[in-house]
């Protein structure tokens, strides 16, 4: 997953921030209200937790429907990866690197 942030001055521009390997991520639904870890009040949020490094990324959406769409998309992506693995489909490291360079 590639993530970006909006330009402060020009809202129509996005700046590349980094990549997250979704194979290593656990998607967690965050209930609305005060988050103990962050000490902030969150609404329509979900958390991605890296199973290897234990880093966490919190994403907030404007609407509850947007949050549900994100959670469904992550579940869909995981399901498709599992189906591909069951079918024996593998992506070589060189193919993976080329895809990263093209994006």
PDB file of N, CA and C in Angstrom:
ATOM      1  N   UNK A   1       0.854  -1.155   0.000  1.00  0.00           N
ATOM      2  CA  UNK A   1       0.000   0.000   0.000  1.00  0.00           C
ATOM      3  C   UNK A   1       0.907   1.226   0.000  1.00  0.00           C
ATOM      4  N   UNK A   2       0.626   2.155  -0.904  1.00  0.00           N
ATOM      5  CA  UNK A   2       1.367   3.414  -0.973  1.00  0.00           C
ATOM      6  C   UNK A   2       0.554   4.463  -0.222  1.00  0.00           C
ATOM      7  N   UNK A   3       1.204   5.236   0.636  1.00  0.00           N
ATOM      8  CA  UNK A   3       0.462   6.301   1.313  1.00  0.00           C
ATOM      9  C   UNK A   3       1.127   7.645   1.072  1.00  0.00           C
ATOM     10  N   UNK A   4       0.279   8.667   0.975  1.00  0.00           N
ATOM     11  CA  UNK A   4       0.708  10.031   0.653  1.00  0.00           C
ATOM     12  C   UNK A   4       0.033  10.999   1.606  1.00  0.00           C
ATOM     13  N   UNK A   5       0.492  12.243   1.583  1.00  0.00           N
ATOM     14  CA  UNK A   5      -0.186  13.291   2.343  1.00  0.00           C
ATOM     15  C   UNK A   5      -0.434  14.470   1.419  1.00  0.00           C
ATOM     16  N   UNK A   6      -1.451  15.242   1.764  1.00  0.00           N
ATOM     17  CA  UNK A   6      -1.801  16.407   0.957  1.00  0.00           C
ATOM     18  C   UNK A   6      -0.830  17.545   1.209  1.00  0.00           C
ATOM     19  N   UNK A   7      -0.578  18.317   0.158  1.00  0.00           N
ATOM     20  CA  UNK A   7       0.230  19.526   0.273  1.00  0.00           C
ATOM     21  C   UNK A   7      -0.558  20.528   1.111  1.00  0.00           C
ATOM     22  N   UNK A   8       0.091  21.175   2.051  1.00  0.00           N
ATOM     23  CA  UNK A   8      -0.576  22.134   2.933  1.00  0.00           C
ATOM     24  C   UNK A   8      -1.102  23.332   2.146  1.00  0.00           C
ATOM     25  N   UNK A   9      -0.328  23.819   1.191  1.00  0.00           N
ATOM     26  CA  UNK A   9      -0.727  25.001   0.428  1.00  0.00           C
ATOM     27  C   UNK A   9      -1.623  24.662  -0.754  1.00  0.00           C
ATOM     28  N   UNK A  10      -1.266  23.638  -1.488  1.00  0.00           N
ATOM     29  CA  UNK A  10      -2.048  23.246  -2.659  1.00  0.00           C
ATOM     30  C   UNK A  10      -2.718  21.921  -2.375  1.00  0.00           C
ATOM     31  N   UNK A  11      -3.982  21.955  -2.090  1.00  0.00           N
ATOM     32  CA  UNK A  11      -4.726  20.757  -1.696  1.00  0.00           C
ATOM     33  C   UNK A  11      -4.849  19.712  -2.806  1.00  0.00           C
ATOM     34  N   UNK A  12      -4.546  20.095  -4.054  1.00  0.00           N
ATOM     35  CA  UNK A  12      -4.691  19.149  -5.159  1.00  0.00           C
ATOM     36  C   UNK A  12      -3.427  18.318  -5.395  1.00  0.00           C
ATOM     37  N   UNK A  13      -2.381  18.539  -4.613  1.00  0.00           N
ATOM     38  CA  UNK A  13      -1.132  17.792  -4.752  1.00  0.00           C
ATOM     39  C   UNK A  13      -0.968  16.794  -3.614  1.00  0.00           C
ATOM     40  N   UNK A  14      -0.412  15.639  -3.949  1.00  0.00           N
ATOM     41  CA  UNK A  14      -0.099  14.630  -2.946  1.00  0.00           C
ATOM     42  C   UNK A  14       1.402  14.381  -2.942  1.00  0.00           C
ATOM     43  N   UNK A  15       1.954  14.209  -1.753  1.00  0.00           N
ATOM     44  CA  UNK A  15       3.362  13.889  -1.606  1.00  0.00           C
ATOM     45  C   UNK A  15       3.502  12.459  -1.107  1.00  0.00           C
ATOM     46  N   UNK A  16       4.370  11.709  -1.770  1.00  0.00           N
ATOM     47  CA  UNK A  16       4.641  10.326  -1.404  1.00  0.00           C
ATOM     48  C   UNK A  16       5.262  10.281  -0.008  1.00  0.00           C
ATOM     49  N   UNK A  17       4.716   9.429   0.851  1.00  0.00           N
ATOM     50  CA  UNK A  17       5.269   9.262   2.202  1.00  0.00           C
ATOM     51  C   UNK A  17       5.950   7.910   2.380  1.00  0.00           C
ATOM     52  N   UNK A  18       5.380   6.879   1.790  1.00  0.00           N
ATOM     53  CA  UNK A  18       5.992   5.565   1.955  1.00  0.00           C
ATOM     54  C   UNK A  18       5.092   4.439   1.504  1.00  0.00           C
ATOM     55  N   UNK A  19       5.543   3.229   1.816  1.00  0.00           N
ATOM     56  CA  UNK A  19       4.815   2.011   1.467  1.00  0.00           C
ATOM     57  C   UNK A  19       4.599   1.178   2.721  1.00  0.00           C
ATOM     58  N   UNK A  20       3.502   0.447   2.720  1.00  0.00           N
ATOM     59  CA  UNK A  20       3.230  -0.501   3.789  1.00  0.00           C
ATOM     60  C   UNK A  20       3.017  -1.864   3.148  1.00  0.00           C
ATOM     61  N   UNK A  21       3.712  -2.867   3.649  1.00  0.00           N
ATOM     62  CA  UNK A  21       3.565  -4.226   3.142  1.00  0.00           C
ATOM     63  C   UNK A  21       2.324  -4.833   3.788  1.00  0.00           C
ATOM     64  N   UNK A  22       1.250  -4.935   3.036  1.00  0.00           N
ATOM     65  CA  UNK A  22      -0.014  -5.416   3.601  1.00  0.00           C
ATOM     66  C   UNK A  22       0.054  -6.883   4.012  1.00  0.00           C
ATOM     67  N   UNK A  23       1.046  -7.623   3.504  1.00  0.00           N
ATOM     68  CA  UNK A  23       1.208  -9.014   3.936  1.00  0.00           C
ATOM     69  C   UNK A  23       1.579  -9.091   5.414  1.00  0.00           C
ATOM     70  N   UNK A  24       2.233  -8.056   5.908  1.00  0.00           N
ATOM     71  CA  UNK A  24       2.672  -8.034   7.308  1.00  0.00           C
ATOM     72  C   UNK A  24       1.706  -7.290   8.220  1.00  0.00           C
ATOM     73  N   UNK A  25       0.678  -6.683   7.664  1.00  0.00           N
ATOM     74  CA  UNK A  25      -0.207  -5.825   8.447  1.00  0.00           C
ATOM     75  C   UNK A  25      -1.426  -6.563   8.985  1.00  0.00           C
ATOM     76  N   UNK A  26      -1.800  -6.187  10.173  1.00  0.00           N
ATOM     77  CA  UNK A  26      -3.048  -6.636  10.767  1.00  0.00           C
ATOM     78  C   UNK A  26      -3.955  -5.413  10.805  1.00  0.00           C
ATOM     79  N   UNK A  27      -5.177  -5.559  10.301  1.00  0.00           N
ATOM     80  CA  UNK A  27      -6.124  -4.447  10.255  1.00  0.00           C
ATOM     81  C   UNK A  27      -7.020  -4.536  11.482  1.00  0.00           C
ATOM     82  N   UNK A  28      -7.079  -3.454  12.238  1.00  0.00           N
ATOM     83  CA  UNK A  28      -7.877  -3.417  13.463  1.00  0.00           C
ATOM     84  C   UNK A  28      -8.888  -2.281  13.391  1.00  0.00           C
ATOM     85  N   UNK A  29     -10.127  -2.599  13.699  1.00  0.00           N
ATOM     86  CA  UNK A  29     -11.175  -1.587  13.761  1.00  0.00           C
ATOM     87  C   UNK A  29     -11.013  -0.826  15.077  1.00  0.00           C
ATOM     88  N   UNK A  30     -11.023   0.487  15.008  1.00  0.00           N
ATOM     89  CA  UNK A  30     -10.881   1.316  16.210  1.00  0.00           C
ATOM     90  C   UNK A  30     -12.250   1.901  16.544  1.00  0.00           C
ATOM     91  N   UNK A  31     -12.776   1.611  17.732  1.00  0.00           N
ATOM     92  CA  UNK A  31     -14.079   2.175  18.094  1.00  0.00           C
ATOM     93  C   UNK A  31     -13.987   3.693  18.265  1.00  0.00           C
ATOM     94  N   UNK A  32     -15.077   4.376  17.970  1.00  0.00           N
ATOM     95  CA  UNK A  32     -15.122   5.827  18.148  1.00  0.00           C
ATOM     96  C   UNK A  32     -14.937   6.162  19.624  1.00  0.00           C
ATOM     97  N   UNK A  33     -14.241   7.246  19.878  1.00  0.00           N
ATOM     98  CA  UNK A  33     -14.009   7.680  21.252  1.00  0.00           C
ATOM     99  C   UNK A  33     -12.531   7.882  21.522  1.00  0.00           C
ATOM    100  N   UNK A  34     -12.211   7.990  22.779  1.00  0.00           N
ATOM    101  CA  UNK A  34     -10.830   8.260  23.193  1.00  0.00           C
ATOM    102  C   UNK A  34      -9.966   7.011  23.028  1.00  0.00           C
ATOM    103  N   UNK A  35      -8.836   7.177  22.360  1.00  0.00           N
ATOM    104  CA  UNK A  35      -7.877   6.088  22.173  1.00  0.00           C
ATOM    105  C   UNK A  35      -6.850   6.163  23.291  1.00  0.00           C
ATOM    106  N   UNK A  36      -6.714   5.087  24.049  1.00  0.00           N
ATOM    107  CA  UNK A  36      -5.796   5.090  25.198  1.00  0.00           C
ATOM    108  C   UNK A  36      -4.338   5.227  24.776  1.00  0.00           C
ATOM    109  N   UNK A  37      -3.978   4.571  23.684  1.00  0.00           N
ATOM    110  CA  UNK A  37      -2.577   4.603  23.252  1.00  0.00           C
ATOM    111  C   UNK A  37      -2.156   5.989  22.787  1.00  0.00           C
ATOM    112  N   UNK A  38      -3.034   6.643  22.030  1.00  0.00           N
ATOM    113  CA  UNK A  38      -2.696   7.959  21.482  1.00  0.00           C
ATOM    114  C   UNK A  38      -3.110   9.111  22.388  1.00  0.00           C
ATOM    115  N   UNK A  39      -4.084   8.857  23.245  1.00  0.00           N
ATOM    116  CA  UNK A  39      -4.597   9.930  24.088  1.00  0.00           C
ATOM    117  C   UNK A  39      -5.427  10.927  23.307  1.00  0.00           C
ATOM    118  N   UNK A  40      -5.959  10.491  22.171  1.00  0.00           N
ATOM    119  CA  UNK A  40      -6.764  11.360  21.309  1.00  0.00           C
ATOM    120  C   UNK A  40      -8.157  10.789  21.144  1.00  0.00           C
ATOM    121  N   UNK A  41      -9.086  11.653  20.829  1.00  0.00           N
ATOM    122  CA  UNK A  41     -10.433  11.214  20.506  1.00  0.00           C
ATOM    123  C   UNK A  41     -10.490  10.930  19.008  1.00  0.00           C
ATOM    124  N   UNK A  42     -10.853   9.707  18.648  1.00  0.00           N
ATOM    125  CA  UNK A  42     -10.876   9.292  17.249  1.00  0.00           C
ATOM    126  C   UNK A  42     -12.290   8.946  16.808  1.00  0.00           C
ATOM    127  N   UNK A  43     -12.560   9.241  15.548  1.00  0.00           N
ATOM    128  CA  UNK A  43     -13.860   8.898  14.970  1.00  0.00           C
ATOM    129  C   UNK A  43     -13.615   8.307  13.589  1.00  0.00           C
ATOM    130  N   UNK A  44     -14.333   7.240  13.265  1.00  0.00           N
ATOM    131  CA  UNK A  44     -14.215   6.566  11.966  1.00  0.00           C
ATOM    132  C   UNK A  44     -12.769   6.167  11.680  1.00  0.00           C
ATOM    133  N   UNK A  45     -12.136   5.532  12.643  1.00  0.00           N
ATOM    134  CA  UNK A  45     -10.713   5.196  12.513  1.00  0.00           C
ATOM    135  C   UNK A  45     -10.494   3.691  12.431  1.00  0.00           C
ATOM    136  N   UNK A  46      -9.376   3.336  11.817  1.00  0.00           N
ATOM    137  CA  UNK A  46      -8.892   1.962  11.838  1.00  0.00           C
ATOM    138  C   UNK A  46      -7.378   2.012  11.960  1.00  0.00           C
ATOM    139  N   UNK A  47      -6.818   0.910  12.423  1.00  0.00           N
ATOM    140  CA  UNK A  47      -5.386   0.864  12.705  1.00  0.00           C
ATOM    141  C   UNK A  47      -4.759  -0.273  11.904  1.00  0.00           C
ATOM    142  N   UNK A  48      -3.590   0.001  11.337  1.00  0.00           N
ATOM    143  CA  UNK A  48      -2.781  -1.039  10.705  1.00  0.00           C
ATOM    144  C   UNK A  48      -1.589  -1.280  11.616  1.00  0.00           C
ATOM    145  N   UNK A  49      -1.411  -2.523  12.004  1.00  0.00           N
ATOM    146  CA  UNK A  49      -0.314  -2.869  12.904  1.00  0.00           C
ATOM    147  C   UNK A  49       0.619  -3.841  12.192  1.00  0.00           C
ATOM    148  N   UNK A  50       1.886  -3.483  12.112  1.00  0.00           N
ATOM    149  CA  UNK A  50       2.895  -4.330  11.484  1.00  0.00           C
ATOM    150  C   UNK A  50       3.213  -5.473  12.439  1.00  0.00           C
ATOM    151  N   UNK A  51       3.018  -6.701  11.973  1.00  0.00           N
ATOM    152  CA  UNK A  51       3.244  -7.873  12.823  1.00  0.00           C
ATOM    153  C   UNK A  51       4.721  -8.101  13.136  1.00  0.00           C
ATOM    154  N   UNK A  52       5.605  -7.556  12.304  1.00  0.00           N
ATOM    155  CA  UNK A  52       7.043  -7.775  12.486  1.00  0.00           C
ATOM    156  C   UNK A  52       7.658  -6.679  13.357  1.00  0.00           C
ATOM    157  N   UNK A  53       7.460  -5.418  12.969  1.00  0.00           N
ATOM    158  CA  UNK A  53       8.095  -4.303  13.685  1.00  0.00           C
ATOM    159  C   UNK A  53       7.216  -3.729  14.794  1.00  0.00           C
ATOM    160  N   UNK A  54       5.949  -4.117  14.821  1.00  0.00           N
ATOM    161  CA  UNK A  54       4.959  -3.633  15.787  1.00  0.00           C
ATOM    162  C   UNK A  54       4.655  -2.143  15.641  1.00  0.00           C
ATOM    163  N   UNK A  55       5.048  -1.563  14.509  1.00  0.00           N
ATOM    164  CA  UNK A  55       4.676  -0.172  14.238  1.00  0.00           C
ATOM    165  C   UNK A  55       3.175  -0.125  13.970  1.00  0.00           C
ATOM    166  N   UNK A  56       2.562   0.989  14.330  1.00  0.00           N
ATOM    167  CA  UNK A  56       1.128   1.149  14.111  1.00  0.00           C
ATOM    168  C   UNK A  56       0.861   2.419  13.337  1.00  0.00           C
ATOM    169  N   UNK A  57      -0.134   2.338  12.468  1.00  0.00           N
ATOM    170  CA  UNK A  57      -0.566   3.470  11.655  1.00  0.00           C
ATOM    171  C   UNK A  57      -2.066   3.612  11.862  1.00  0.00           C
ATOM    172  N   UNK A  58      -2.502   4.801  12.224  1.00  0.00           N
ATOM    173  CA  UNK A  58      -3.923   5.049  12.450  1.00  0.00           C
ATOM    174  C   UNK A  58      -4.444   5.907  11.311  1.00  0.00           C
ATOM    175  N   UNK A  59      -5.547   5.464  10.719  1.00  0.00           N
ATOM    176  CA  UNK A  59      -6.191   6.179   9.627  1.00  0.00           C
ATOM    177  C   UNK A  59      -7.586   6.585  10.073  1.00  0.00           C
ATOM    178  N   UNK A  60      -7.960   7.829   9.801  1.00  0.00           N
ATOM    179  CA  UNK A  60      -9.295   8.323  10.116  1.00  0.00           C
ATOM    180  C   UNK A  60      -9.976   8.735   8.817  1.00  0.00           C
ATOM    181  N   UNK A  61     -11.246   8.408   8.698  1.00  0.00           N
ATOM    182  CA  UNK A  61     -12.012   8.784   7.517  1.00  0.00           C
ATOM    183  C   UNK A  61     -13.066   9.811   7.912  1.00  0.00           C
ATOM    184  N   UNK A  62     -13.572  10.513   6.905  1.00  0.00           N
ATOM    185  CA  UNK A  62     -14.583  11.531   7.187  1.00  0.00           C
ATOM    186  C   UNK A  62     -15.916  10.911   7.587  1.00  0.00           C
ATOM    187  N   UNK A  63     -16.276   9.803   6.925  1.00  0.00           N
ATOM    188  CA  UNK A  63     -17.585   9.187   7.166  1.00  0.00           C
ATOM    189  C   UNK A  63     -17.424   7.728   7.572  1.00  0.00           C
ATOM    190  N   UNK A  64     -18.420   7.235   8.294  1.00  0.00           N
ATOM    191  CA  UNK A  64     -18.424   5.828   8.703  1.00  0.00           C
ATOM    192  C   UNK A  64     -18.495   4.914   7.482  1.00  0.00           C
ATOM    193  N   UNK A  65     -19.188   5.348   6.435  1.00  0.00           N
ATOM    194  CA  UNK A  65     -19.275   4.527   5.217  1.00  0.00           C
ATOM    195  C   UNK A  65     -17.905   4.382   4.560  1.00  0.00           C
ATOM    196  N   UNK A  66     -17.100   5.442   4.610  1.00  0.00           N
ATOM    197  CA  UNK A  66     -15.738   5.364   4.056  1.00  0.00           C
ATOM    198  C   UNK A  66     -14.895   4.361   4.843  1.00  0.00           C
ATOM    199  N   UNK A  67     -15.042   4.379   6.152  1.00  0.00           N
ATOM    200  CA  UNK A  67     -14.304   3.439   7.001  1.00  0.00           C
ATOM    201  C   UNK A  67     -14.697   2.006   6.655  1.00  0.00           C
ATOM    202  N   UNK A  68     -15.996   1.757   6.510  1.00  0.00           N
ATOM    203  CA  UNK A  68     -16.458   0.412   6.161  1.00  0.00           C
ATOM    204  C   UNK A  68     -15.902  -0.034   4.812  1.00  0.00           C
ATOM    205  N   UNK A  69     -15.841   0.900   3.856  1.00  0.00           N
ATOM    206  CA  UNK A  69     -15.285   0.571   2.538  1.00  0.00           C
ATOM    207  C   UNK A  69     -13.813   0.181   2.646  1.00  0.00           C
ATOM    208  N   UNK A  70     -13.044   0.915   3.447  1.00  0.00           N
ATOM    209  CA  UNK A  70     -11.631   0.584   3.648  1.00  0.00           C
ATOM    210  C   UNK A  70     -11.492  -0.803   4.285  1.00  0.00           C
ATOM    211  N   UNK A  71     -12.268  -1.059   5.335  1.00  0.00           N
ATOM    212  CA  UNK A  71     -12.177  -2.349   6.023  1.00  0.00           C
ATOM    213  C   UNK A  71     -12.565  -3.495   5.094  1.00  0.00           C
ATOM    214  N   UNK A  72     -13.606  -3.281   4.280  1.00  0.00           N
ATOM    215  CA  UNK A  72     -14.009  -4.297   3.298  1.00  0.00           C
ATOM    216  C   UNK A  72     -12.913  -4.515   2.258  1.00  0.00           C
ATOM    217  N   UNK A  73     -12.289  -3.422   1.809  1.00  0.00           N
ATOM    218  CA  UNK A  73     -11.226  -3.522   0.803  1.00  0.00           C
ATOM    219  C   UNK A  73     -10.037  -4.315   1.351  1.00  0.00           C
ATOM    220  N   UNK A  74      -9.664  -4.071   2.598  1.00  0.00           N
ATOM    221  CA  UNK A  74      -8.566  -4.829   3.195  1.00  0.00           C
ATOM    222  C   UNK A  74      -8.934  -6.308   3.321  1.00  0.00           C
ATOM    223  N   UNK A  75     -10.161  -6.594   3.751  1.00  0.00           N
ATOM    224  CA  UNK A  75     -10.608  -7.989   3.873  1.00  0.00           C
ATOM    225  C   UNK A  75     -10.621  -8.665   2.504  1.00  0.00           C
ATOM    226  N   UNK A  76     -11.082  -7.951   1.500  1.00  0.00           N
ATOM    227  CA  UNK A  76     -11.107  -8.463   0.125  1.00  0.00           C
ATOM    228  C   UNK A  76      -9.698  -8.777  -0.365  1.00  0.00           C
ATOM    229  N   UNK A  77      -8.769  -7.865  -0.111  1.00  0.00           N
ATOM    230  CA  UNK A  77      -7.387  -8.042  -0.546  1.00  0.00           C
ATOM    231  C   UNK A  77      -6.779  -9.278   0.108  1.00  0.00           C
ATOM    232  N   UNK A  78      -7.008  -9.462   1.397  1.00  0.00           N
ATOM    233  CA  UNK A  78      -6.480 -10.628   2.109  1.00  0.00           C
ATOM    234  C   UNK A  78      -7.090 -11.918   1.559  1.00  0.00           C
ATOM    235  N   UNK A  79      -8.390 -11.891   1.266  1.00  0.00           N
ATOM    236  CA  UNK A  79      -9.070 -13.062   0.718  1.00  0.00           C
ATOM    237  C   UNK A  79      -8.474 -13.438  -0.635  1.00  0.00           C
ATOM    238  N   UNK A  80      -8.243 -12.427  -1.476  1.00  0.00           N
ATOM    239  CA  UNK A  80      -7.679 -12.689  -2.804  1.00  0.00           C
ATOM    240  C   UNK A  80      -6.259 -13.239  -2.713  1.00  0.00           C
ATOM    241  N   UNK A  81      -5.472 -12.715  -1.804  1.00  0.00           N
ATOM    242  CA  UNK A  81      -4.106 -13.218  -1.614  1.00  0.00           C
ATOM    243  C   UNK A  81      -4.151 -14.679  -1.183  1.00  0.00           C
ATOM    244  N   UNK A  82      -5.051 -14.998  -0.266  1.00  0.00           N
ATOM    245  CA  UNK A  82      -5.173 -16.377   0.210  1.00  0.00           C
ATOM    246  C   UNK A  82      -5.602 -17.306  -0.928  1.00  0.00           C
ATOM    247  N   UNK A  83      -6.559 -16.861  -1.743  1.00  0.00           N
ATOM    248  CA  UNK A  83      -6.995 -17.668  -2.889  1.00  0.00           C
ATOM    249  C   UNK A  83      -5.842 -17.899  -3.855  1.00  0.00           C
ATOM    250  N   UNK A  84      -5.060 -16.858  -4.120  1.00  0.00           N
ATOM    251  CA  UNK A  84      -3.912 -16.991  -5.018  1.00  0.00           C
ATOM    252  C   UNK A  84      -2.894 -17.985  -4.467  1.00  0.00           C
ATOM    253  N   UNK A  85      -2.665 -17.938  -3.168  1.00  0.00           N
ATOM    254  CA  UNK A  85      -1.711 -18.862  -2.552  1.00  0.00           C
ATOM    255  C   UNK A  85      -2.212 -20.299  -2.641  1.00  0.00           C
ATOM    256  N   UNK A  86      -3.522 -20.482  -2.449  1.00  0.00           N
ATOM    257  CA  UNK A  86      -4.100 -21.822  -2.545  1.00  0.00           C
ATOM    258  C   UNK A  86      -3.996 -22.379  -3.959  1.00  0.00           C
ATOM    259  N   UNK A  87      -4.038 -21.492  -4.955  1.00  0.00           N
ATOM    260  CA  UNK A  87      -3.915 -21.914  -6.349  1.00  0.00           C
ATOM    261  C   UNK A  87      -2.453 -22.099  -6.764  1.00  0.00           C
ATOM    262  N   UNK A  88      -1.532 -21.762  -5.864  1.00  0.00           N
ATOM    263  CA  UNK A  88      -0.115 -21.926  -6.151  1.00  0.00           C
ATOM    264  C   UNK A  88       0.508 -20.766  -6.898  1.00  0.00           C
ATOM    265  N   UNK A  89      -0.194 -19.655  -6.984  1.00  0.00           N
ATOM    266  CA  UNK A  89       0.344 -18.492  -7.690  1.00  0.00           C
ATOM    267  C   UNK A  89       1.391 -17.804  -6.818  1.00  0.00           C
ATOM    268  N   UNK A  90       2.554 -17.588  -7.391  1.00  0.00           N
ATOM    269  CA  UNK A  90       3.620 -16.908  -6.663  1.00  0.00           C
ATOM    270  C   UNK A  90       4.190 -15.794  -7.515  1.00  0.00           C
ATOM    271  N   UNK A  91       4.568 -14.717  -6.871  1.00  0.00           N
ATOM    272  CA  UNK A  91       5.205 -13.593  -7.557  1.00  0.00           C
ATOM    273  C   UNK A  91       6.669 -13.610  -7.149  1.00  0.00           C
ATOM    274  N   UNK A  92       7.537 -13.688  -8.142  1.00  0.00           N
ATOM    275  CA  UNK A  92       8.971 -13.740  -7.842  1.00  0.00           C
ATOM    276  C   UNK A  92       9.439 -12.394  -7.294  1.00  0.00           C
ATOM    277  N   UNK A  93      10.588 -12.425  -6.651  1.00  0.00           N
ATOM    278  CA  UNK A  93      11.148 -11.194  -6.070  1.00  0.00           C
ATOM    279  C   UNK A  93      11.458 -10.169  -7.156  1.00  0.00           C
ATOM    280  N   UNK A  94      11.924 -10.632  -8.318  1.00  0.00           N
ATOM    281  CA  UNK A  94      12.226  -9.693  -9.414  1.00  0.00           C
ATOM    282  C   UNK A  94      10.948  -9.049  -9.952  1.00  0.00           C
ATOM    283  N   UNK A  95       9.862  -9.823 -10.047  1.00  0.00           N
ATOM    284  CA  UNK A  95       8.582  -9.253 -10.479  1.00  0.00           C
ATOM    285  C   UNK A  95       8.088  -8.226  -9.464  1.00  0.00           C
ATOM    286  N   UNK A  96       8.270  -8.537  -8.207  1.00  0.00           N
ATOM    287  CA  UNK A  96       7.844  -7.630  -7.140  1.00  0.00           C
ATOM    288  C   UNK A  96       8.615  -6.313  -7.213  1.00  0.00           C
ATOM    289  N   UNK A  97       9.933  -6.407  -7.409  1.00  0.00           N
ATOM    290  CA  UNK A  97      10.762  -5.196  -7.509  1.00  0.00           C
ATOM    291  C   UNK A  97      10.370  -4.349  -8.709  1.00  0.00           C
ATOM    292  N   UNK A  98      10.117  -5.008  -9.852  1.00  0.00           N
ATOM    293  CA  UNK A  98       9.709  -4.259 -11.046  1.00  0.00           C
ATOM    294  C   UNK A  98       8.387  -3.537 -10.821  1.00  0.00           C
ATOM    295  N   UNK A  99       7.450  -4.190 -10.146  1.00  0.00           N
ATOM    296  CA  UNK A  99       6.160  -3.557  -9.864  1.00  0.00           C
ATOM    297  C   UNK A  99       6.343  -2.345  -8.956  1.00  0.00           C
ATOM    298  N   UNK A 100       7.230  -2.454  -7.978  1.00  0.00           N
ATOM    299  CA  UNK A 100       7.495  -1.329  -7.073  1.00  0.00           C
ATOM    300  C   UNK A 100       8.115  -0.169  -7.835  1.00  0.00           C
ATOM    301  N   UNK A 101       9.052  -0.469  -8.715  1.00  0.00           N
ATOM    302  CA  UNK A 101       9.702   0.594  -9.489  1.00  0.00           C
ATOM    303  C   UNK A 101       8.737   1.287 -10.445  1.00  0.00           C
ATOM    304  N   UNK A 102       7.772   0.550 -10.963  1.00  0.00           N
ATOM    305  CA  UNK A 102       6.814   1.133 -11.904  1.00  0.00           C
ATOM    306  C   UNK A 102       5.792   2.026 -11.209  1.00  0.00           C
ATOM    307  N   UNK A 103       5.552   1.787  -9.935  1.00  0.00           N
ATOM    308  CA  UNK A 103       4.513   2.576  -9.245  1.00  0.00           C
ATOM    309  C   UNK A 103       5.025   3.906  -8.756  1.00  0.00           C
TER     310      UNK A 103
END
